[in-house]
Amino acid sequence: MHARALIGALRLPFLLLTPVCVALGAASAAWSGHAVAPATLALVLAGALAAHASVNLFNEWFDFRSGLDAITSRTPFSGGSGALPAQPAAAPVVLAAALATLGFSGAVGLWLLATRGPALLPLGLAGLALVVAYTPWVTRRPLLCLLAPGLGFGPLMVGGSQVALSGVHEPAAYVASLVPLGLVSGLLLLNQFPDVEADRQVGRRHLPLLRGRPWAARLLGALLAGAFGALALGVLAGVLPRGAALGLATLPLAWSVARGARRHADDLPALLPVMGRNVALVLLTPLLMALGGVWKG
């Protein structure tokens, strides 16, 4: 009965980021000389997808309960799915699904701890805490709101996938994770631009709201520069394989996003194509790094 609302609340297109980051973690394990077992990789991916789904579901539920969904202007990249305002009776189902996916992700983590050892424990606990705290707590703390998405998909997911596959921490994974750290934090930063007025009314406190969109657009440029700088330095230092530099192929796209965000910071209709290019940037860059690193000559 509530299947349509549940599927909408999952925000399935947004889940594409998870396999890209898990792939970068798996590539990091391979770069570091570890064999990647397909069955373990599939389990890691399932657990990571469940964690991401749980964040989305909790976010939809909290935004519906807070009244944000009733006042926000939705875009393809921001403002939620609109699933619960269209079908309010599905709210308990969405909450139950958020708890169930969180529980599944935790169960996968426990199995990996039992089979791979305790190295994964701090990353797993931090990841679960971030899932639960993101919407009700993190979004009200500007610096955490900026960094939490990048930390979740960068060091926690890329690094966590590598540790789950190998049982040990490897420098390559954490250097590689700096790229999605900058890119994903930039993605969420730009996606907050259309929501400034609505978020203000429900007590959220993020940087586009507090410092203005033009200032936040300059910050986006700095985040993108930091991500690509980390990739270039990691390759030059020999921590990342030379093939990972294939990720630098998206630099023109990053330049287009940074320039477009600054030019159209307060022109939201003109900003929508920039937001779309930013999604492509965030998905393509780690994927190209993972694929290019296969040839690490």
C-alpha atoms as a PDB file:
ATOM      1  CA  MET A   1       0.000   0.000   0.000  1.00  0.00           C
ATOM      2  CA  HIS A   2       2.833   2.383   0.875  1.00  0.00           C
ATOM      3  CA  ALA A   3       5.385   0.936  -1.528  1.00  0.00           C
ATOM      4  CA  ARG A   4       5.445   3.997  -3.777  1.00  0.00           C
ATOM      5  CA  ALA A   5       6.132   6.339  -0.875  1.00  0.00           C
ATOM      6  CA  LEU A   6       8.837   4.033   0.470  1.00  0.00           C
ATOM      7  CA  ILE A   7      10.581   3.798  -2.895  1.00  0.00           C
ATOM      8  CA  GLY A   8      10.417   7.564  -3.298  1.00  0.00           C
ATOM      9  CA  ALA A   9      11.830   8.148   0.181  1.00  0.00           C
ATOM     10  CA  LEU A  10      14.787   5.888  -0.602  1.00  0.00           C
ATOM     11  CA  ARG A  11      15.927   8.399  -3.268  1.00  0.00           C
ATOM     12  CA  LEU A  12      17.283   5.587  -5.408  1.00  0.00           C
ATOM     13  CA  PRO A  13      19.265   7.764  -7.870  1.00  0.00           C
ATOM     14  CA  PHE A  14      21.232   9.209  -4.941  1.00  0.00           C
ATOM     15  CA  LEU A  15      22.348   5.700  -3.947  1.00  0.00           C
ATOM     16  CA  LEU A  16      24.635   5.562  -7.009  1.00  0.00           C
ATOM     17  CA  LEU A  17      27.294   7.316  -4.960  1.00  0.00           C
ATOM     18  CA  THR A  18      27.684   4.310  -2.662  1.00  0.00           C
ATOM     19  CA  PRO A  19      28.948   1.722  -5.186  1.00  0.00           C
ATOM     20  CA  VAL A  20      31.350   4.326  -6.577  1.00  0.00           C
ATOM     21  CA  CYS A  21      32.896   4.931  -3.134  1.00  0.00           C
ATOM     22  CA  VAL A  22      32.962   1.213  -2.293  1.00  0.00           C
ATOM     23  CA  ALA A  23      34.690   0.590  -5.640  1.00  0.00           C
ATOM     24  CA  LEU A  24      37.346   3.155  -4.723  1.00  0.00           C
ATOM     25  CA  GLY A  25      37.838   1.397  -1.384  1.00  0.00           C
ATOM     26  CA  ALA A  26      38.146  -1.972  -3.116  1.00  0.00           C
ATOM     27  CA  ALA A  27      40.622  -0.514  -5.612  1.00  0.00           C
ATOM     28  CA  SER A  28      42.625   0.882  -2.691  1.00  0.00           C
ATOM     29  CA  ALA A  29      42.799  -2.592  -1.162  1.00  0.00           C
ATOM     30  CA  ALA A  30      44.007  -4.012  -4.482  1.00  0.00           C
ATOM     31  CA  TRP A  31      46.582  -1.214  -4.911  1.00  0.00           C
ATOM     32  CA  SER A  32      47.947  -2.117  -1.481  1.00  0.00           C
ATOM     33  CA  GLY A  33      48.467  -5.754  -2.434  1.00  0.00           C
ATOM     34  CA  HIS A  34      45.373  -7.374  -0.923  1.00  0.00           C
ATOM     35  CA  ALA A  35      43.190  -9.901  -2.701  1.00  0.00           C
ATOM     36  CA  VAL A  36      39.571  -8.722  -2.966  1.00  0.00           C
ATOM     37  CA  ALA A  37      37.119 -11.574  -2.379  1.00  0.00           C
ATOM     38  CA  PRO A  38      33.980 -11.017  -4.497  1.00  0.00           C
ATOM     39  CA  ALA A  39      31.650 -12.411  -1.815  1.00  0.00           C
ATOM     40  CA  THR A  40      33.072 -10.080   0.831  1.00  0.00           C
ATOM     41  CA  LEU A  41      32.926  -7.148  -1.575  1.00  0.00           C
ATOM     42  CA  ALA A  42      29.242  -7.888  -2.260  1.00  0.00           C
ATOM     43  CA  LEU A  43      28.529  -7.941   1.484  1.00  0.00           C
ATOM     44  CA  VAL A  44      30.414  -4.696   2.047  1.00  0.00           C
ATOM     45  CA  LEU A  45      28.410  -3.073  -0.756  1.00  0.00           C
ATOM     46  CA  ALA A  46      25.124  -4.345   0.691  1.00  0.00           C
ATOM     47  CA  GLY A  47      25.965  -2.966   4.117  1.00  0.00           C
ATOM     48  CA  ALA A  48      27.053   0.390   2.696  1.00  0.00           C
ATOM     49  CA  LEU A  49      23.907   0.680   0.569  1.00  0.00           C
ATOM     50  CA  ALA A  50      21.781  -0.094   3.624  1.00  0.00           C
ATOM     51  CA  ALA A  51      23.545   2.648   5.607  1.00  0.00           C
ATOM     52  CA  HIS A  52      23.029   5.182   2.804  1.00  0.00           C
ATOM     53  CA  ALA A  53      19.391   4.158   2.426  1.00  0.00           C
ATOM     54  CA  SER A  54      18.915   4.579   6.164  1.00  0.00           C
ATOM     55  CA  VAL A  55      20.272   8.146   6.046  1.00  0.00           C
ATOM     56  CA  ASN A  56      17.871   8.984   3.228  1.00  0.00           C
ATOM     57  CA  LEU A  57      14.880   7.439   5.004  1.00  0.00           C
ATOM     58  CA  PHE A  58      15.616   9.122   8.329  1.00  0.00           C
ATOM     59  CA  ASN A  59      16.077  12.414   6.482  1.00  0.00           C
ATOM     60  CA  GLU A  60      12.715  12.070   4.752  1.00  0.00           C
ATOM     61  CA  TRP A  61      10.976  11.184   8.027  1.00  0.00           C
ATOM     62  CA  PHE A  62      12.547  14.000  10.056  1.00  0.00           C
ATOM     63  CA  ASP A  63      11.898  16.577   7.337  1.00  0.00           C
ATOM     64  CA  PHE A  64       8.263  15.508   7.140  1.00  0.00           C
ATOM     65  CA  ARG A  65       7.828  15.650  10.919  1.00  0.00           C
ATOM     66  CA  SER A  66       9.534  19.054  11.207  1.00  0.00           C
ATOM     67  CA  GLY A  67       7.289  20.605   8.568  1.00  0.00           C
ATOM     68  CA  LEU A  68      10.200  21.334   6.242  1.00  0.00           C
ATOM     69  CA  ASP A  69       8.644  19.277   3.451  1.00  0.00           C
ATOM     70  CA  ALA A  70       5.606  21.547   3.468  1.00  0.00           C
ATOM     71  CA  ILE A  71       7.580  24.732   2.801  1.00  0.00           C
ATOM     72  CA  THR A  72      10.557  23.657   0.703  1.00  0.00           C
ATOM     73  CA  SER A  73      10.869  24.118  -3.054  1.00  0.00           C
ATOM     74  CA  ARG A  74      11.961  20.826  -4.559  1.00  0.00           C
ATOM     75  CA  THR A  75      14.503  20.421  -7.329  1.00  0.00           C
ATOM     76  CA  PRO A  76      15.873  17.179  -8.827  1.00  0.00           C
ATOM     77  CA  PHE A  77      18.829  17.573  -6.444  1.00  0.00           C
ATOM     78  CA  SER A  78      17.397  19.062  -3.251  1.00  0.00           C
ATOM     79  CA  GLY A  79      14.305  19.469  -1.137  1.00  0.00           C
ATOM     80  CA  GLY A  80      13.566  15.791  -0.566  1.00  0.00           C
ATOM     81  CA  SER A  81      11.456  13.417  -2.615  1.00  0.00           C
ATOM     82  CA  GLY A  82       8.023  14.735  -1.638  1.00  0.00           C
ATOM     83  CA  ALA A  83       6.934  11.138  -0.985  1.00  0.00           C
ATOM     84  CA  LEU A  84       5.575  11.694   2.524  1.00  0.00           C
ATOM     85  CA  PRO A  85       3.701  14.958   1.865  1.00  0.00           C
ATOM     86  CA  ALA A  86       1.978  13.075  -0.961  1.00  0.00           C
ATOM     87  CA  GLN A  87       1.241  10.082   1.262  1.00  0.00           C
ATOM     88  CA  PRO A  88       1.432  11.068   4.954  1.00  0.00           C
ATOM     89  CA  ALA A  89       0.118   7.721   6.201  1.00  0.00           C
ATOM     90  CA  ALA A  90       3.347   6.105   4.984  1.00  0.00           C
ATOM     91  CA  ALA A  91       5.466   7.933   7.609  1.00  0.00           C
ATOM     92  CA  PRO A  92       5.551   4.984  10.081  1.00  0.00           C
ATOM     93  CA  VAL A  93       6.573   2.651   7.248  1.00  0.00           C
ATOM     94  CA  VAL A  94       9.428   4.951   6.247  1.00  0.00           C
ATOM     95  CA  LEU A  95      10.616   5.173   9.860  1.00  0.00           C
ATOM     96  CA  ALA A  96      10.458   1.380  10.221  1.00  0.00           C
ATOM     97  CA  ALA A  97      12.443   0.981   7.004  1.00  0.00           C
ATOM     98  CA  ALA A  98      15.049   3.468   8.268  1.00  0.00           C
ATOM     99  CA  LEU A  99      15.488   1.419  11.430  1.00  0.00           C
ATOM    100  CA  ALA A 100      15.539  -1.873   9.513  1.00  0.00           C
ATOM    101  CA  THR A 101      18.221  -0.721   7.057  1.00  0.00           C
ATOM    102  CA  LEU A 102      20.256   0.683   9.938  1.00  0.00           C
ATOM    103  CA  GLY A 103      19.966  -2.670  11.709  1.00  0.00           C
ATOM    104  CA  PHE A 104      21.011  -4.567   8.588  1.00  0.00           C
ATOM    105  CA  SER A 105      24.032  -2.336   8.119  1.00  0.00           C
ATOM    106  CA  GLY A 106      24.989  -2.878  11.758  1.00  0.00           C
ATOM    107  CA  ALA A 107      24.620  -6.655  11.388  1.00  0.00           C
ATOM    108  CA  VAL A 108      26.915  -6.642   8.348  1.00  0.00           C
ATOM    109  CA  GLY A 109      29.418  -4.634  10.344  1.00  0.00           C
ATOM    110  CA  LEU A 110      29.324  -7.150  13.211  1.00  0.00           C
ATOM    111  CA  TRP A 111      29.920 -10.027  10.787  1.00  0.00           C
ATOM    112  CA  LEU A 112      32.873  -8.205   9.242  1.00  0.00           C
ATOM    113  CA  LEU A 113      34.290  -7.467  12.684  1.00  0.00           C
ATOM    114  CA  ALA A 114      34.066 -11.149  13.552  1.00  0.00           C
ATOM    115  CA  THR A 115      35.801 -12.234  10.347  1.00  0.00           C
ATOM    116  CA  ARG A 116      38.236  -9.364   9.712  1.00  0.00           C
ATOM    117  CA  GLY A 117      39.193  -8.276  13.199  1.00  0.00           C
ATOM    118  CA  PRO A 118      38.767  -5.085  15.235  1.00  0.00           C
ATOM    119  CA  ALA A 119      40.398  -2.630  12.803  1.00  0.00           C
ATOM    120  CA  LEU A 120      36.979  -1.799  11.363  1.00  0.00           C
ATOM    121  CA  LEU A 121      35.357  -0.992  14.727  1.00  0.00           C
ATOM    122  CA  PRO A 122      36.048   2.778  15.003  1.00  0.00           C
ATOM    123  CA  LEU A 123      35.007   3.425  11.401  1.00  0.00           C
ATOM    124  CA  GLY A 124      31.857   1.338  11.789  1.00  0.00           C
ATOM    125  CA  LEU A 125      30.781   3.039  15.006  1.00  0.00           C
ATOM    126  CA  ALA A 126      31.423   6.472  13.519  1.00  0.00           C
ATOM    127  CA  GLY A 127      29.411   5.554  10.432  1.00  0.00           C
ATOM    128  CA  LEU A 128      26.403   4.334  12.397  1.00  0.00           C
ATOM    129  CA  ALA A 129      26.495   7.421  14.619  1.00  0.00           C
ATOM    130  CA  LEU A 130      26.545   9.663  11.558  1.00  0.00           C
ATOM    131  CA  VAL A 131      23.519   7.886  10.059  1.00  0.00           C
ATOM    132  CA  VAL A 132      21.450   8.497  13.179  1.00  0.00           C
ATOM    133  CA  ALA A 133      22.681  12.005  14.019  1.00  0.00           C
ATOM    134  CA  TYR A 134      22.827  13.585  10.568  1.00  0.00           C
ATOM    135  CA  THR A 135      19.376  15.145  10.152  1.00  0.00           C
ATOM    136  CA  PRO A 136      18.368  15.957  13.752  1.00  0.00           C
ATOM    137  CA  TRP A 137      21.780  17.101  15.026  1.00  0.00           C
ATOM    138  CA  VAL A 138      24.480  17.587  12.372  1.00  0.00           C
ATOM    139  CA  THR A 139      22.362  19.859  10.155  1.00  0.00           C
ATOM    140  CA  ARG A 140      22.194  22.396  12.999  1.00  0.00           C
ATOM    141  CA  ARG A 141      25.981  22.692  13.335  1.00  0.00           C
ATOM    142  CA  PRO A 142      27.467  24.529  10.342  1.00  0.00           C
ATOM    143  CA  LEU A 143      30.982  23.090  10.218  1.00  0.00           C
ATOM    144  CA  LEU A 144      29.801  19.541  10.878  1.00  0.00           C
ATOM    145  CA  CYS A 145      27.043  20.014   8.316  1.00  0.00           C
ATOM    146  CA  LEU A 146      29.695  20.903   5.756  1.00  0.00           C
ATOM    147  CA  LEU A 147      32.145  18.108   6.561  1.00  0.00           C
ATOM    148  CA  ALA A 148      29.896  15.215   7.615  1.00  0.00           C
ATOM    149  CA  PRO A 149      28.800  14.145   4.094  1.00  0.00           C
ATOM    150  CA  GLY A 150      32.381  14.088   2.847  1.00  0.00           C
ATOM    151  CA  LEU A 151      33.595  12.236   5.918  1.00  0.00           C
ATOM    152  CA  GLY A 152      30.803   9.693   5.525  1.00  0.00           C
ATOM    153  CA  PHE A 153      31.495   8.886   1.881  1.00  0.00           C
ATOM    154  CA  GLY A 154      35.234   9.560   2.048  1.00  0.00           C
ATOM    155  CA  PRO A 155      37.257   8.222   4.990  1.00  0.00           C
ATOM    156  CA  LEU A 156      34.386   6.221   6.498  1.00  0.00           C
ATOM    157  CA  MET A 157      33.110   4.517   3.338  1.00  0.00           C
ATOM    158  CA  VAL A 158      36.252   4.372   1.193  1.00  0.00           C
ATOM    159  CA  GLY A 159      38.507   3.630   4.159  1.00  0.00           C
ATOM    160  CA  GLY A 160      35.939   1.349   5.761  1.00  0.00           C
ATOM    161  CA  SER A 161      35.511  -0.689   2.576  1.00  0.00           C
ATOM    162  CA  GLN A 162      39.263  -1.124   2.264  1.00  0.00           C
ATOM    163  CA  VAL A 163      39.592  -2.240   5.897  1.00  0.00           C
ATOM    164  CA  ALA A 164      36.600  -4.566   5.593  1.00  0.00           C
ATOM    165  CA  LEU A 165      38.226  -6.242   2.593  1.00  0.00           C
ATOM    166  CA  SER A 166      41.761  -6.453   3.981  1.00  0.00           C
ATOM    167  CA  GLY A 167      41.528  -6.315   7.760  1.00  0.00           C
ATOM    168  CA  VAL A 168      44.156  -3.564   8.035  1.00  0.00           C
ATOM    169  CA  HIS A 169      44.385   0.179   7.467  1.00  0.00           C
ATOM    170  CA  GLU A 170      46.301   1.223   4.352  1.00  0.00           C
ATOM    171  CA  PRO A 171      47.495   4.788   3.598  1.00  0.00           C
ATOM    172  CA  ALA A 172      46.322   4.593  -0.033  1.00  0.00           C
ATOM    173  CA  ALA A 173      42.686   4.326   1.001  1.00  0.00           C
ATOM    174  CA  TYR A 174      42.782   7.409   3.202  1.00  0.00           C
ATOM    175  CA  VAL A 175      44.631   9.506   0.648  1.00  0.00           C
ATOM    176  CA  ALA A 176      42.161   8.390  -2.026  1.00  0.00           C
ATOM    177  CA  SER A 177      39.273   9.153   0.337  1.00  0.00           C
ATOM    178  CA  LEU A 178      40.259  12.828   0.432  1.00  0.00           C
ATOM    179  CA  VAL A 179      38.839  13.141  -3.074  1.00  0.00           C
ATOM    180  CA  PRO A 180      35.247  12.118  -2.219  1.00  0.00           C
ATOM    181  CA  LEU A 181      35.613  13.995   1.069  1.00  0.00           C
ATOM    182  CA  GLY A 182      35.970  17.282  -0.821  1.00  0.00           C
ATOM    183  CA  LEU A 183      33.630  16.413  -3.669  1.00  0.00           C
ATOM    184  CA  VAL A 184      30.738  15.085  -1.580  1.00  0.00           C
ATOM    185  CA  SER A 185      30.902  17.919   0.933  1.00  0.00           C
ATOM    186  CA  GLY A 186      30.820  20.261  -2.059  1.00  0.00           C
ATOM    187  CA  LEU A 187      27.853  18.387  -3.490  1.00  0.00           C
ATOM    188  CA  LEU A 188      25.774  18.796  -0.334  1.00  0.00           C
ATOM    189  CA  LEU A 189      26.928  22.398   0.038  1.00  0.00           C
ATOM    190  CA  LEU A 190      25.671  23.341  -3.420  1.00  0.00           C
ATOM    191  CA  ASN A 191      22.466  21.354  -2.945  1.00  0.00           C
ATOM    192  CA  GLN A 192      21.679  23.518   0.095  1.00  0.00           C
ATOM    193  CA  PHE A 193      21.455  26.671  -2.033  1.00  0.00           C
ATOM    194  CA  PRO A 194      17.779  26.264  -3.023  1.00  0.00           C
ATOM    195  CA  ASP A 195      16.768  25.364   0.558  1.00  0.00           C
ATOM    196  CA  VAL A 196      18.122  28.408   2.424  1.00  0.00           C
ATOM    197  CA  GLU A 197      14.814  30.111   3.207  1.00  0.00           C
ATOM    198  CA  ALA A 198      12.978  26.904   4.124  1.00  0.00           C
ATOM    199  CA  ASP A 199      15.845  25.585   6.246  1.00  0.00           C
ATOM    200  CA  ARG A 200      15.984  28.847   8.173  1.00  0.00           C
ATOM    201  CA  GLN A 201      12.370  28.372   9.273  1.00  0.00           C
ATOM    202  CA  VAL A 202      12.995  24.945  10.856  1.00  0.00           C
ATOM    203  CA  GLY A 203      16.216  25.813  12.665  1.00  0.00           C
ATOM    204  CA  ARG A 204      18.840  24.369  10.362  1.00  0.00           C
ATOM    205  CA  ARG A 205      22.175  26.165  10.349  1.00  0.00           C
ATOM    206  CA  HIS A 206      24.427  25.606   7.366  1.00  0.00           C
ATOM    207  CA  LEU A 207      26.929  27.865   5.656  1.00  0.00           C
ATOM    208  CA  PRO A 208      24.885  29.027   2.630  1.00  0.00           C
ATOM    209  CA  LEU A 209      22.238  30.138   5.141  1.00  0.00           C
ATOM    210  CA  LEU A 210      24.655  31.810   7.565  1.00  0.00           C
ATOM    211  CA  ARG A 211      27.221  33.306   5.163  1.00  0.00           C
ATOM    212  CA  GLY A 212      25.220  33.666   1.972  1.00  0.00           C
ATOM    213  CA  ARG A 213      25.281  31.790  -1.315  1.00  0.00           C
ATOM    214  CA  PRO A 214      28.086  33.802  -3.011  1.00  0.00           C
ATOM    215  CA  TRP A 215      30.433  33.103  -0.086  1.00  0.00           C
ATOM    216  CA  ALA A 216      29.435  29.425  -0.111  1.00  0.00           C
ATOM    217  CA  ALA A 217      30.103  29.275  -3.865  1.00  0.00           C
ATOM    218  CA  ARG A 218      33.687  30.367  -3.230  1.00  0.00           C
ATOM    219  CA  LEU A 219      33.958  27.701  -0.545  1.00  0.00           C
ATOM    220  CA  LEU A 220      32.744  25.130  -3.074  1.00  0.00           C
ATOM    221  CA  GLY A 221      35.603  26.114  -5.369  1.00  0.00           C
ATOM    222  CA  ALA A 222      38.066  25.614  -2.508  1.00  0.00           C
ATOM    223  CA  LEU A 223      36.647  22.161  -1.742  1.00  0.00           C
ATOM    224  CA  LEU A 224      36.981  21.104  -5.377  1.00  0.00           C
ATOM    225  CA  ALA A 225      40.535  22.450  -5.550  1.00  0.00           C
ATOM    226  CA  GLY A 226      41.406  20.553  -2.381  1.00  0.00           C
ATOM    227  CA  ALA A 227      39.986  17.298  -3.730  1.00  0.00           C
ATOM    228  CA  PHE A 228      41.943  17.450  -6.976  1.00  0.00           C
ATOM    229  CA  GLY A 229      45.039  18.700  -5.202  1.00  0.00           C
ATOM    230  CA  ALA A 230      44.923  15.682  -2.886  1.00  0.00           C
ATOM    231  CA  LEU A 231      44.630  13.357  -5.888  1.00  0.00           C
ATOM    232  CA  ALA A 232      47.564  14.955  -7.716  1.00  0.00           C
ATOM    233  CA  LEU A 233      49.781  14.983  -4.631  1.00  0.00           C
ATOM    234  CA  GLY A 234      48.868  11.392  -3.778  1.00  0.00           C
ATOM    235  CA  VAL A 235      49.970  10.237  -7.221  1.00  0.00           C
ATOM    236  CA  LEU A 236      53.139  12.356  -7.222  1.00  0.00           C
ATOM    237  CA  ALA A 237      54.078  11.039  -3.778  1.00  0.00           C
ATOM    238  CA  GLY A 238      53.615   7.454  -4.924  1.00  0.00           C
ATOM    239  CA  VAL A 239      50.884   6.702  -2.367  1.00  0.00           C
ATOM    240  CA  LEU A 240      48.363   6.296  -5.177  1.00  0.00           C
ATOM    241  CA  PRO A 241      49.136   4.458  -8.427  1.00  0.00           C
ATOM    242  CA  ARG A 242      49.783   6.551 -11.511  1.00  0.00           C
ATOM    243  CA  GLY A 243      46.632   5.218 -13.120  1.00  0.00           C
ATOM    244  CA  ALA A 244      44.530   6.879 -10.412  1.00  0.00           C
ATOM    245  CA  ALA A 245      45.434  10.183 -12.069  1.00  0.00           C
ATOM    246  CA  LEU A 246      42.722   9.310 -14.615  1.00  0.00           C
ATOM    247  CA  GLY A 247      40.427  11.025 -12.111  1.00  0.00           C
ATOM    248  CA  LEU A 248      42.027  14.314 -13.121  1.00  0.00           C
ATOM    249  CA  ALA A 249      40.200  13.992 -16.445  1.00  0.00           C
ATOM    250  CA  THR A 250      37.163  15.614 -14.783  1.00  0.00           C
ATOM    251  CA  LEU A 251      39.062  18.828 -13.969  1.00  0.00           C
ATOM    252  CA  PRO A 252      37.316  20.773 -16.784  1.00  0.00           C
ATOM    253  CA  LEU A 253      33.971  19.678 -15.351  1.00  0.00           C
ATOM    254  CA  ALA A 254      35.058  20.834 -11.896  1.00  0.00           C
ATOM    255  CA  TRP A 255      36.070  24.210 -13.333  1.00  0.00           C
ATOM    256  CA  SER A 256      32.666  24.507 -14.982  1.00  0.00           C
ATOM    257  CA  VAL A 257      30.909  23.718 -11.694  1.00  0.00           C
ATOM    258  CA  ALA A 258      32.980  26.181  -9.667  1.00  0.00           C
ATOM    259  CA  ARG A 259      32.542  28.967 -12.219  1.00  0.00           C
ATOM    260  CA  GLY A 260      28.824  28.288 -12.638  1.00  0.00           C
ATOM    261  CA  ALA A 261      28.206  28.258  -8.890  1.00  0.00           C
ATOM    262  CA  ARG A 262      29.890  31.647  -8.470  1.00  0.00           C
ATOM    263  CA  ARG A 263      28.135  33.148 -11.480  1.00  0.00           C
ATOM    264  CA  HIS A 264      24.644  31.903 -10.592  1.00  0.00           C
ATOM    265  CA  ALA A 265      24.798  31.652  -6.787  1.00  0.00           C
ATOM    266  CA  ASP A 266      21.609  33.688  -6.332  1.00  0.00           C
ATOM    267  CA  ASP A 267      19.928  32.715  -9.607  1.00  0.00           C
ATOM    268  CA  LEU A 268      18.429  29.364  -8.708  1.00  0.00           C
ATOM    269  CA  PRO A 269      16.880  28.458 -12.095  1.00  0.00           C
ATOM    270  CA  ALA A 270      20.258  29.059 -13.780  1.00  0.00           C
ATOM    271  CA  LEU A 271      21.969  27.101 -11.000  1.00  0.00           C
ATOM    272  CA  LEU A 272      20.103  23.848 -11.708  1.00  0.00           C
ATOM    273  CA  PRO A 273      22.309  22.773 -14.663  1.00  0.00           C
ATOM    274  CA  VAL A 274      25.368  23.492 -12.511  1.00  0.00           C
ATOM    275  CA  MET A 275      23.963  21.223  -9.806  1.00  0.00           C
ATOM    276  CA  GLY A 276      23.497  18.489 -12.412  1.00  0.00           C
ATOM    277  CA  ARG A 277      27.093  18.827 -13.596  1.00  0.00           C
ATOM    278  CA  ASN A 278      28.212  18.667  -9.990  1.00  0.00           C
ATOM    279  CA  VAL A 279      26.478  15.305  -9.531  1.00  0.00           C
ATOM    280  CA  ALA A 280      28.275  13.978 -12.619  1.00  0.00           C
ATOM    281  CA  LEU A 281      31.582  15.285 -11.265  1.00  0.00           C
ATOM    282  CA  VAL A 282      31.129  13.566  -7.903  1.00  0.00           C
ATOM    283  CA  LEU A 283      30.254  10.217  -9.485  1.00  0.00           C
ATOM    284  CA  LEU A 284      32.796  10.199 -12.306  1.00  0.00           C
ATOM    285  CA  THR A 285      35.940  11.290 -10.495  1.00  0.00           C
ATOM    286  CA  PRO A 286      36.224   8.454  -7.910  1.00  0.00           C
ATOM    287  CA  LEU A 287      35.058   5.954 -10.523  1.00  0.00           C
ATOM    288  CA  LEU A 288      37.814   6.997 -12.917  1.00  0.00           C
ATOM    289  CA  MET A 289      40.350   6.821 -10.101  1.00  0.00           C
ATOM    290  CA  ALA A 290      39.300   3.250  -9.289  1.00  0.00           C
ATOM    291  CA  LEU A 291      39.300   2.158 -12.930  1.00  0.00           C
ATOM    292  CA  GLY A 292      42.555   3.928 -13.785  1.00  0.00           C
ATOM    293  CA  GLY A 293      44.299   2.416 -10.803  1.00  0.00           C
ATOM    294  CA  VAL A 294      43.938  -1.047 -12.306  1.00  0.00           C
ATOM    295  CA  TRP A 295      46.920  -0.059 -14.442  1.00  0.00           C
ATOM    296  CA  LYS A 296      49.238   1.112 -11.717  1.00  0.00           C
ATOM    297  CA  GLY A 297      52.503   0.815 -13.659  1.00  0.00           C
END
